[in-house]
Protein backbone atom coordinates (compact mmCIF):
# COMPACT_ATOMS: atom_id res chain seq x y z
CA UNK A 1 -33.66 11.50 11.65
CA UNK A 2 -30.15 11.54 12.45
CA UNK A 3 -29.40 14.63 14.67
CA UNK A 4 -25.72 14.34 15.32
CA UNK A 5 -22.83 13.52 12.87
CA UNK A 6 -19.84 12.02 14.18
CA UNK A 7 -16.39 12.40 12.62
CA UNK A 8 -14.05 9.62 13.89
CA UNK A 9 -11.36 10.72 15.62
CA UNK A 10 -7.91 9.43 17.63
CA UNK A 11 -6.03 11.34 20.22
CA UNK A 12 -2.61 10.47 20.76
CA UNK A 13 0.80 11.88 20.61
CA UNK A 14 2.21 11.72 16.68
CA UNK A 15 5.39 13.09 14.91
CA UNK A 16 6.25 12.69 11.40
CA UNK A 17 9.42 12.49 9.40
CA UNK A 18 10.77 12.60 5.61
CA UNK A 19 13.91 11.13 3.97
CA UNK A 20 14.81 11.11 0.51
CA UNK A 21 15.92 7.16 -0.27
CA UNK A 22 16.11 7.83 -4.10
CA UNK A 23 18.60 5.02 -5.54
CA UNK A 24 21.46 6.17 -7.27
CA UNK A 25 21.00 6.69 -11.47
CA UNK A 26 22.41 3.17 -12.89
CA UNK A 27 21.24 1.03 -10.16
CA UNK A 28 19.10 -2.34 -11.56
CA UNK A 29 15.82 -1.25 -12.52
CA UNK A 30 14.14 -3.85 -14.65
CA UNK A 31 10.83 -4.68 -12.62
CA UNK A 32 8.95 -5.08 -16.02
CA UNK A 33 9.56 -8.61 -17.51
CA UNK A 34 8.87 -6.82 -21.01
CA UNK A 35 11.80 -4.25 -20.40
CA UNK A 36 14.46 -4.34 -22.36
CA UNK A 37 16.71 -2.06 -20.56
CA UNK A 38 18.37 -3.02 -17.32
CA UNK A 39 19.86 0.17 -15.52
CA UNK A 40 17.87 3.10 -14.64
CA UNK A 41 18.78 6.21 -16.94
CA UNK A 42 17.37 9.06 -14.40
CA UNK A 43 14.99 10.13 -11.66
CA UNK A 44 11.33 11.16 -12.29
CA UNK A 45 10.53 12.29 -9.02
CA UNK A 46 12.69 11.46 -5.70
CA UNK A 47 11.55 8.49 -3.69
CA UNK A 48 11.00 9.28 -0.23
CA UNK A 49 10.39 7.61 3.09
CA UNK A 50 7.64 8.94 5.50
CA UNK A 51 7.86 7.98 9.35
CA UNK A 52 4.44 8.50 11.24
CA UNK A 53 4.83 7.67 15.22
CA UNK A 54 2.14 7.26 17.13
CA UNK A 55 1.94 7.03 21.18
CA UNK A 56 -0.86 6.42 23.58
CA UNK A 57 -1.58 9.10 26.07
CA UNK A 58 -1.02 8.13 29.58
CA UNK A 59 -0.06 4.69 28.51
CA UNK A 60 2.61 2.45 26.82
CA UNK A 61 1.31 1.93 23.50
CA UNK A 62 3.25 2.79 20.50
CA UNK A 63 3.09 2.36 16.73
CA UNK A 64 5.42 3.28 14.01
CA UNK A 65 4.57 3.35 10.61
CA UNK A 66 7.31 3.78 7.53
CA UNK A 67 5.80 4.31 4.28
CA UNK A 68 8.10 3.54 1.33
CA UNK A 69 8.22 4.12 -2.49
CA UNK A 70 9.23 0.84 -3.14
CA UNK A 71 7.69 -2.08 -5.24
CA UNK A 72 8.62 -5.19 -3.20
CA UNK A 73 11.61 -5.67 -0.77
CA UNK A 74 12.74 -9.05 0.62
CA UNK A 75 11.43 -10.04 4.06
CA UNK A 76 14.83 -10.26 5.28
CA UNK A 77 15.23 -6.46 4.56
CA UNK A 78 12.37 -5.39 5.96
CA UNK A 79 13.38 -7.43 9.30
CA UNK A 80 16.85 -5.41 8.97
CA UNK A 81 14.62 -1.98 9.37
CA UNK A 82 12.88 -2.86 12.32
CA UNK A 83 15.51 -4.30 14.09
CA UNK A 84 17.42 -1.56 13.52
CA UNK A 85 14.99 0.56 15.13
CA UNK A 86 16.01 1.57 18.68
CA UNK A 87 13.69 1.31 21.92
CA UNK A 88 10.90 -0.41 19.72
CA UNK A 89 9.90 -3.80 19.63
CA UNK A 90 9.48 -5.08 16.15
CA UNK A 91 6.03 -6.22 16.17
CA UNK A 92 5.20 -2.29 16.92
CA UNK A 93 6.50 -1.42 13.65
CA UNK A 94 4.83 -1.45 10.23
CA UNK A 95 7.00 -0.67 7.05
CA UNK A 96 4.57 -0.31 4.33
CA UNK A 97 5.48 -0.02 0.62
CA UNK A 98 3.77 2.12 -1.86
CA UNK A 99 4.19 -0.52 -4.41
CA UNK A 100 5.55 1.41 -7.08
CA UNK A 101 6.59 -0.45 -10.05
CA UNK A 102 8.98 2.54 -11.38
CA UNK A 103 11.51 2.32 -8.42
CA UNK A 104 13.03 -0.66 -9.66
CA UNK A 105 13.34 -4.33 -7.74
CA UNK A 106 15.73 -3.89 -4.86
CA UNK A 107 16.82 -7.43 -4.15
CA UNK A 108 20.09 -8.79 -3.24
CA UNK A 109 19.30 -11.35 -5.53
CA UNK A 110 19.87 -9.16 -8.36
CA UNK A 111 23.36 -8.43 -7.82
CA UNK A 112 24.79 -10.30 -10.68
CA UNK A 113 22.32 -8.34 -13.12
CA UNK A 114 23.49 -4.87 -14.74
CA UNK A 115 23.44 -2.56 -12.11
CA UNK A 116 22.90 -4.91 -9.43
CA UNK A 117 26.17 -4.55 -7.36
CA UNK A 118 24.65 -1.01 -6.45
CA UNK A 119 21.68 -2.89 -4.87
CA UNK A 120 23.49 -4.22 -1.63
CA UNK A 121 24.90 -0.74 -0.76
CA UNK A 122 21.90 1.25 -1.53
CA UNK A 123 19.88 -1.45 0.86
CA UNK A 124 22.28 -1.11 3.73
CA UNK A 125 22.41 2.42 3.63
CA UNK A 126 17.82 2.14 3.44
CA UNK A 127 18.21 0.29 6.74
CA UNK A 128 20.27 3.30 8.60
CA UNK A 129 18.35 5.58 6.74
CA UNK A 130 14.90 4.49 7.95
CA UNK A 131 16.46 3.84 11.77
CA UNK A 132 17.28 7.72 11.93
CA UNK A 133 14.05 8.49 10.48
CA UNK A 134 12.16 6.88 13.33
CA UNK A 135 14.07 8.70 16.02
CA UNK A 136 13.37 12.14 14.22
CA UNK A 137 9.97 10.99 14.03
CA UNK A 138 10.02 10.06 17.93
CA UNK A 139 11.34 13.24 18.89
CA UNK A 140 8.82 15.68 16.98
CA UNK A 141 6.12 13.72 18.86
CA UNK A 142 3.46 16.17 20.02
CA UNK A 143 -0.57 15.60 21.32
CA UNK A 144 -2.38 15.60 18.62
CA UNK A 145 -5.98 14.43 17.35
CA UNK A 146 -6.37 12.66 14.01
CA UNK A 147 -9.61 13.45 12.07
CA UNK A 148 -10.54 10.69 9.21
CA UNK A 149 -12.52 11.44 6.21
CA UNK A 150 -13.60 10.29 3.04
CA UNK A 151 -13.82 11.07 -0.67
CA UNK A 152 -14.30 9.17 -3.83
CA UNK A 153 -11.59 9.06 -6.68
CA UNK A 154 -12.04 7.32 -10.21
CA UNK A 155 -8.31 6.91 -10.79
CA UNK A 156 -8.48 2.86 -9.95
CA UNK A 157 -10.09 0.01 -12.07
CA UNK A 158 -10.77 -3.07 -12.20
CA UNK A 159 -8.01 -4.98 -14.06
CA UNK A 160 -9.03 -8.63 -14.66
CA UNK A 161 -10.06 -8.48 -17.97
CA UNK A 162 -11.20 -11.68 -20.63
CA UNK A 163 -9.63 -10.96 -24.06
CA UNK A 164 -12.08 -12.28 -26.54
CA UNK A 165 -10.29 -12.19 -29.24
CA UNK A 166 -7.20 -13.74 -27.62
CA UNK A 167 -9.55 -16.02 -25.62
CA UNK A 168 -7.64 -15.37 -22.17
CA UNK A 169 -7.54 -12.85 -19.35
CA UNK A 170 -5.35 -10.07 -19.34
CA UNK A 171 -4.44 -7.71 -16.58
CA UNK A 172 -5.51 -4.67 -17.93
CA UNK A 173 -8.38 -1.92 -17.60
CA UNK A 174 -11.68 -3.63 -17.36
CA UNK A 175 -14.48 -1.44 -18.38
CA UNK A 176 -17.32 -3.23 -16.57
CA UNK A 177 -15.76 -4.75 -13.39
CA UNK A 178 -15.97 -3.31 -9.87
CA UNK A 179 -13.89 -1.07 -8.59
CA UNK A 180 -13.47 0.37 -5.07
CA UNK A 181 -13.20 4.19 -5.26
CA UNK A 182 -13.21 4.77 -1.63
CA UNK A 183 -10.20 7.60 -0.57
CA UNK A 184 -9.44 7.56 3.28
CA UNK A 185 -7.98 10.54 4.47
CA UNK A 186 -6.45 11.30 8.06
CA UNK A 187 -5.36 14.59 9.21
CA UNK A 188 -2.98 15.04 12.16
CA UNK A 189 -3.94 18.06 13.96
CA UNK A 190 -1.61 19.19 17.10
CA UNK A 191 -2.99 20.69 20.18
CA UNK A 192 -2.75 24.40 19.22
CA UNK A 193 -4.16 24.01 15.72
CA UNK A 194 -0.83 23.13 13.65
CA UNK A 195 -1.12 20.44 11.26
CA UNK A 196 1.51 17.79 11.79
CA UNK A 197 0.70 15.65 9.05
CA UNK A 198 -1.76 13.71 6.29
CA UNK A 199 -2.37 10.29 5.62
CA UNK A 200 -3.81 8.96 2.31
CA UNK A 201 -5.16 5.46 2.15
CA UNK A 202 -6.10 4.38 -1.29
CA UNK A 203 -5.99 0.98 -3.47
CA UNK A 204 -4.96 1.43 -6.90
CA UNK A 205 -1.66 -0.26 -8.21
CA UNK A 206 1.13 2.41 -9.01
CA UNK A 207 1.40 0.82 -12.85
CA UNK A 208 1.16 3.83 -14.33
CA UNK A 209 4.83 3.77 -15.90
CA UNK A 210 5.70 0.65 -17.09
CA UNK A 211 8.62 -1.39 -19.13
CA UNK A 212 8.88 1.62 -21.59
CA UNK A 213 10.24 3.67 -18.45
CA UNK A 214 13.84 3.51 -17.66
CA UNK A 215 13.52 6.52 -14.75
CA UNK A 216 13.22 5.73 -11.11
CA UNK A 217 9.54 6.90 -9.95
CA UNK A 218 7.61 7.02 -7.23
CA UNK A 219 4.46 6.66 -9.98
CA UNK A 220 1.12 8.30 -9.33
CA UNK A 221 2.17 8.69 -5.48
CA UNK A 222 4.91 11.38 -6.11
CA UNK A 223 2.54 14.17 -7.51
CA UNK A 224 -0.24 13.43 -5.41
CA UNK A 225 2.12 13.71 -2.48
CA UNK A 226 3.26 17.23 -3.69
CA UNK A 227 -0.27 18.59 -4.46
CA UNK A 228 -1.25 17.66 -0.58
CA UNK A 229 2.43 18.90 1.02
CA UNK A 230 1.68 22.47 -1.11
CA UNK A 231 -1.82 22.97 0.18
CA UNK A 232 -1.21 21.57 3.63
CA UNK A 233 2.53 22.35 4.32
CA UNK A 234 2.84 19.56 5.96
CA UNK A 235 3.90 15.59 5.27
CA UNK A 236 1.84 13.36 3.46
CA UNK A 237 2.18 9.44 4.15
CA UNK A 238 0.36 7.36 1.52
CA UNK A 239 -0.95 3.96 2.30
CA UNK A 240 -1.56 1.27 -0.16
CA UNK A 241 -4.89 -0.19 0.38
CA UNK A 242 -6.05 -3.79 -0.97
CA UNK A 243 -5.35 -3.12 -4.81
CA UNK A 244 -4.73 -6.52 -6.00
CA UNK A 245 -7.25 -6.42 -8.62
CA UNK A 246 -7.04 -2.70 -9.12
CA UNK A 247 -4.91 -0.25 -11.44
CA UNK A 248 -4.94 3.00 -13.10
CA UNK A 249 -6.98 3.35 -15.88
CA UNK A 250 -4.49 5.15 -17.54
CA UNK A 251 -1.76 2.90 -17.27
CA UNK A 252 1.62 0.60 -18.76
CA UNK A 253 2.96 3.76 -20.22
CA UNK A 254 6.37 5.26 -20.41
CA UNK A 255 5.31 8.88 -20.19
CA UNK A 256 5.80 10.45 -16.70
CA UNK A 257 2.86 12.98 -17.66
CA UNK A 258 0.30 10.37 -17.15
CA UNK A 259 1.95 9.36 -13.97
CA UNK A 260 1.97 13.11 -12.62
CA UNK A 261 -1.69 13.27 -13.95
CA UNK A 262 -3.11 10.01 -12.47
CA UNK A 263 -1.56 11.56 -8.73
CA UNK A 264 -3.25 14.97 -9.09
CA UNK A 265 -6.63 13.09 -9.99
CA UNK A 266 -6.01 11.43 -6.45
CA UNK A 267 -4.57 14.78 -4.35
CA UNK A 268 -7.55 16.82 -5.73
CA UNK A 269 -9.86 13.91 -4.38
CA UNK A 270 -7.72 13.66 -1.06
CA UNK A 271 -7.87 17.74 -0.64
CA UNK A 272 -11.46 17.74 -1.18
CA UNK A 273 -11.94 15.03 1.79
CA UNK A 274 -9.64 17.20 3.89
CA UNK A 275 -11.32 20.72 3.40
CA UNK A 276 -14.47 18.93 4.86
CA UNK A 277 -13.12 17.93 8.14
CA UNK A 278 -14.15 19.71 10.93
CA UNK A 279 -12.46 21.17 13.97
CA UNK A 280 -10.81 18.51 16.37
CA UNK A 281 -12.93 17.82 19.28
CA UNK A 282 -16.20 18.43 17.66
CA UNK A 283 -19.35 16.81 16.26
CA UNK A 284 -21.95 18.43 14.16
CA UNK A 285 -25.31 18.56 15.52
CA UNK A 286 -28.57 19.62 14.53
CA UNK A 287 -29.57 22.95 16.08
CA UNK A 288 -33.60 23.21 15.64
CA UNK A 289 -35.59 25.30 13.35
CA UNK A 290 -34.88 28.93 12.41
CA UNK A 291 -37.81 30.71 10.80
CA UNK A 292 -36.89 32.50 7.85
CA UNK A 293 -38.58 32.67 4.38
CA UNK A 294 -38.67 29.11 4.81
CA UNK A 295 -38.15 27.32 8.10
CA UNK A 296 -34.72 26.07 8.14
CA UNK A 297 -33.33 23.70 9.74
CA UNK A 298 -29.70 24.45 11.26
CA UNK A 299 -26.98 22.67 12.21
CA UNK A 300 -23.58 23.92 13.98
CA UNK A 301 -20.31 22.30 15.07
CA UNK A 302 -20.33 21.81 19.15
CA UNK A 303 -17.49 20.48 21.52
CA UNK A 304 -17.88 16.75 22.30
CA UNK A 305 -18.32 15.43 25.74
CA UNK A 306 -15.52 14.67 27.82
CA UNK A 307 -16.59 10.83 27.87
CA UNK A 308 -15.98 11.13 24.04
CA UNK A 309 -12.46 12.69 24.26
CA UNK A 310 -11.74 9.52 26.46
CA UNK A 311 -13.15 7.21 23.88
CA UNK A 312 -10.88 8.95 21.32
CA UNK A 313 -7.78 7.96 23.46
CA UNK A 314 -8.48 4.37 23.47
CA UNK A 315 -5.51 2.24 22.57
CA UNK A 316 -5.60 -1.70 21.73
CA UNK A 317 -2.91 -3.49 19.45
CA UNK A 318 -2.45 -7.16 18.80
CA UNK A 319 -1.23 -9.61 16.06
CA UNK A 320 -2.81 -12.79 15.08
CA UNK A 321 -1.21 -15.76 12.65
CA UNK A 322 -3.50 -17.64 10.08
CA UNK A 323 -2.16 -20.52 8.67
CA UNK A 324 -3.01 -20.15 4.78
CA UNK A 325 -2.58 -24.07 3.42
CA UNK A 326 -0.41 -23.90 0.13
CA UNK A 327 -2.23 -24.79 -3.16
CA UNK A 328 -2.02 -28.26 -4.56
CA UNK A 329 -0.81 -27.23 -7.84
CA UNK A 330 2.23 -25.15 -6.79
CA UNK A 331 4.88 -25.58 -9.09
CA UNK A 332 7.82 -27.06 -8.00
CA UNK A 333 11.94 -25.64 -8.23
CA UNK A 334 12.97 -28.25 -10.78
CA UNK A 335 10.22 -27.67 -13.33
CA UNK A 336 10.30 -24.12 -12.79
CA UNK A 337 14.19 -24.14 -13.54
CA UNK A 338 13.42 -26.11 -16.39
CA UNK A 339 11.15 -23.86 -17.66
CA UNK A 340 13.26 -20.76 -17.51
CA UNK A 341 16.05 -22.78 -19.12
CA UNK A 342 13.73 -23.41 -22.20
CA UNK A 343 13.08 -19.90 -22.34
CA UNK A 344 16.33 -18.74 -21.91
CA UNK A 345 17.35 -20.93 -24.93
CA UNK A 346 14.95 -19.23 -27.04
CA UNK A 347 15.85 -16.02 -26.29
CA UNK A 348 19.35 -16.96 -27.81
CA UNK A 349 17.89 -18.32 -30.74
CA UNK A 350 15.51 -15.16 -31.18
CA UNK A 351 18.95 -12.74 -30.90
CA UNK A 352 20.76 -14.93 -33.76
CA UNK A 353 17.56 -14.16 -35.98
CA UNK A 354 17.57 -10.23 -34.72
CA UNK A 355 13.40 -11.01 -33.98
CA UNK A 356 13.40 -8.15 -31.24
CA UNK A 357 9.48 -9.17 -30.38
CA UNK A 358 10.68 -12.72 -29.99
CA UNK A 359 13.78 -11.66 -27.73
CA UNK A 360 11.31 -9.37 -25.35
CA UNK A 361 8.62 -12.27 -25.23
CA UNK A 362 11.31 -14.96 -24.43
CA UNK A 363 13.08 -12.60 -21.49
CA UNK A 364 9.78 -11.90 -20.15
CA UNK A 365 8.83 -15.47 -19.71
CA UNK A 366 12.24 -16.40 -18.37
CA UNK A 367 11.71 -13.61 -15.87
CA UNK A 368 8.52 -14.71 -14.84
CA UNK A 369 10.28 -18.18 -13.98
CA UNK A 370 13.16 -16.33 -12.33
CA UNK A 371 10.46 -14.45 -9.77
CA UNK A 372 8.66 -17.76 -9.31
CA UNK A 373 11.83 -19.13 -8.24
CA UNK A 374 12.18 -16.08 -5.84
CA UNK A 375 8.83 -16.96 -4.39
CA UNK A 376 9.11 -20.36 -3.89
CA UNK A 377 12.47 -19.79 -2.05
CA UNK A 378 10.51 -17.28 0.55
CA UNK A 379 7.91 -20.02 1.35
CA UNK A 380 8.24 -21.61 4.60
CA UNK A 381 8.60 -25.17 4.47
CA UNK A 382 5.40 -27.24 5.66
CA UNK A 383 1.86 -27.56 4.11
CA UNK A 384 0.86 -23.68 5.12
CA UNK A 385 1.83 -20.27 4.98
CA UNK A 386 1.69 -18.40 8.60
CA UNK A 387 0.38 -15.39 7.50
CA UNK A 388 0.75 -12.57 10.14
CA UNK A 389 -1.76 -9.61 10.88
CA UNK A 390 -1.16 -6.95 12.94
CA UNK A 391 -4.15 -4.19 14.15
CA UNK A 392 -3.98 -1.17 16.23
CA UNK A 393 -6.96 0.58 17.38
CA UNK A 394 -6.76 4.03 17.81
CA UNK A 395 -9.76 5.82 19.37
CA UNK A 396 -12.30 5.59 16.73
CA UNK A 397 -10.19 4.29 14.04
CA UNK A 398 -8.31 0.73 13.45
CA UNK A 399 -5.20 0.32 11.37
CA UNK A 400 -4.91 -3.06 9.47
CA UNK A 401 -1.62 -4.35 8.47
CA UNK A 402 -0.93 -7.32 6.07
CA UNK A 403 1.30 -8.76 3.95
CA UNK A 404 0.86 -9.41 0.45
CA UNK A 405 -1.50 -8.21 -2.19
CA UNK A 406 -5.13 -8.43 -1.46
CA UNK A 407 -8.03 -8.27 -3.58
CA UNK A 408 -10.51 -5.13 -3.29
CA UNK A 409 -13.10 -7.40 -1.70
CA UNK A 410 -10.94 -7.34 1.39
CA UNK A 411 -11.36 -4.04 2.24
CA UNK A 412 -14.90 -3.34 0.97
CA UNK A 413 -16.39 -5.96 3.35
CA UNK A 414 -14.92 -5.03 6.17
CA UNK A 415 -15.77 -1.53 5.54
CA UNK A 416 -19.33 -2.32 4.96
CA UNK A 417 -19.65 -4.52 8.27
CA UNK A 418 -17.95 -1.57 10.55
CA UNK A 419 -19.10 1.29 8.90
CA UNK A 420 -18.95 3.50 12.00
CA UNK A 421 -15.13 2.86 12.35
CA UNK A 422 -12.31 4.52 10.31
CA UNK A 423 -10.68 1.48 8.84
CA UNK A 424 -7.11 1.89 7.76
CA UNK A 425 -6.01 -0.86 5.60
CA UNK A 426 -2.34 -1.30 4.75
CA UNK A 427 -1.30 -4.27 2.64
CA UNK A 428 2.41 -4.84 0.97
CA UNK A 429 3.15 -4.51 5.00
CA UNK A 430 6.17 -5.78 6.48
CA UNK A 431 6.35 -8.60 3.79
CA UNK A 432 5.58 -9.24 -0.05
CA UNK A 433 4.90 -12.94 0.57
CA UNK A 434 2.90 -14.69 0.25
CA UNK A 435 1.96 -12.65 -2.85
CA UNK A 436 -1.59 -12.48 -3.80
CA UNK A 437 -4.69 -13.67 -2.28
CA UNK A 438 -7.20 -13.49 -4.79
CA UNK A 439 -10.80 -14.45 -3.89
CA UNK A 440 -11.72 -18.18 -4.67
CA UNK A 441 -13.88 -17.44 -7.79
CA UNK A 442 -10.86 -16.02 -9.46
CA UNK A 443 -9.31 -19.78 -9.17
CA UNK A 444 -8.39 -21.73 -12.23
CA UNK A 445 -9.17 -19.01 -15.23
CA UNK A 446 -6.04 -18.15 -16.04
CA UNK A 447 -5.88 -14.79 -14.22
CA UNK A 448 -2.44 -13.77 -13.74
CA UNK A 449 -2.71 -12.67 -10.06
CA UNK A 450 -4.32 -16.22 -9.34
CA UNK A 451 -1.90 -18.18 -11.58
CA UNK A 452 1.24 -16.88 -9.06
CA UNK A 453 -0.75 -17.07 -6.03
CA UNK A 454 0.86 -19.59 -3.57
CA UNK A 455 -1.85 -20.04 -0.89
CA UNK A 456 -4.93 -22.45 -1.98
CA UNK A 457 -8.33 -21.27 -2.96
CA UNK A 458 -10.42 -19.57 0.17
CA UNK A 459 -7.62 -17.99 1.58
CA UNK A 460 -8.66 -14.53 1.41
CA UNK A 461 -12.16 -15.63 2.52
CA UNK A 462 -10.53 -16.75 5.52
CA UNK A 463 -8.38 -13.78 6.30
CA UNK A 464 -11.36 -11.77 6.03
CA UNK A 465 -13.39 -13.57 8.72
CA UNK A 466 -10.33 -13.72 10.98
CA UNK A 467 -9.93 -9.88 10.54
CA UNK A 468 -13.47 -9.32 11.47
CA UNK A 469 -13.64 -11.44 14.25
CA UNK A 470 -10.51 -9.43 15.68
CA UNK A 471 -12.23 -6.12 14.51
CA UNK A 472 -15.25 -7.07 16.55
CA UNK A 473 -13.24 -7.78 19.67
CA UNK A 474 -11.16 -4.46 19.15
CA UNK A 475 -14.44 -2.33 19.17
């Protein structure tokens, strides 16, 4: 029998800061192909940016994580944000998006569309807000301990579903598919006992609100954050996990109350994990038998050794670039433009015939082609995509920062291989490209995420092995 239970911990300086980044009402908002609106008509909950700054004790290691309520930002926008933060190398900065589909698509390529004229000024302001936010987080840094724990939450469901009637795969609740329900939480406690902030790392697409929603919204992340912050009186940073094939059971609606309910479900799960965390600098040890009505086995929280405290302060950071080959069937720009023109012509015909369903479908199909053109334009020339992964080992935890959208097998495999390490898995970080990374077994079945994937089968498996190799070196 194990006689000691250790809580993963990190020792470093930590600071938090928060800013409201809600776009103006009327800005271009259409994130969904099936949406019939273009402009946001109001705000469900504010969008926020939360900065968490970590600094090595007695060393030069630094890490800045900016968690932001947006779905997708072009790579150039993220680089603009990282380059504006004075005194820090861009390689030490991670811009992690919650991936909420209620934020609207903030891309300058949408400037010519209704409400698109507001996008450029908004993005310019966003970069400056993030630079100021970083300074506030750095100034607020204090010596602290980060404690990591886990809970379970059934909000996320598998979303690759075979529709037997339609004889096709759809992206929706699969009642039989596996779904990782792991909630990782991190509680940051300053020396002296004050809670500085909380991190919640969970994998689930924020797609509660869909084409019927016309409000700017952080989706379920908003009410989750509110619940935790009301309880802890500290800012909550949300980190999106590997959710490529995961979405809320109850989703694709226009009712914001459903998004709030989904968020509370995750929030209560996270709070249960936070409540279970012990005091910093302690371990739970077997203290021996006590004779009572029965012979009882007692356990006590005891201070850890000085050697363990030194281990909590260990720091190492690195980056790797993996060349992921493009898929052979990657569509051409010319073919995509022709396909878009076809759907635009059919939309015009449907409008003349007052066919609202036809207009909606044609508009959605044309939008798919527009987004495909955007993806193709962002792909570097050559035969492979340079996929950049960043790692930060802080004490008993490793933060893994990945661009794009990875399937859940990425995080479940890594956590199974490294059960004694708190792994913070951050996706949609520092870029959305190359888009989805599905497992090889998902290719050629007509699954949405595979259809739009830019890289070849086996890419996700390659990334898993590369990350595993780096984790072994780090720990």
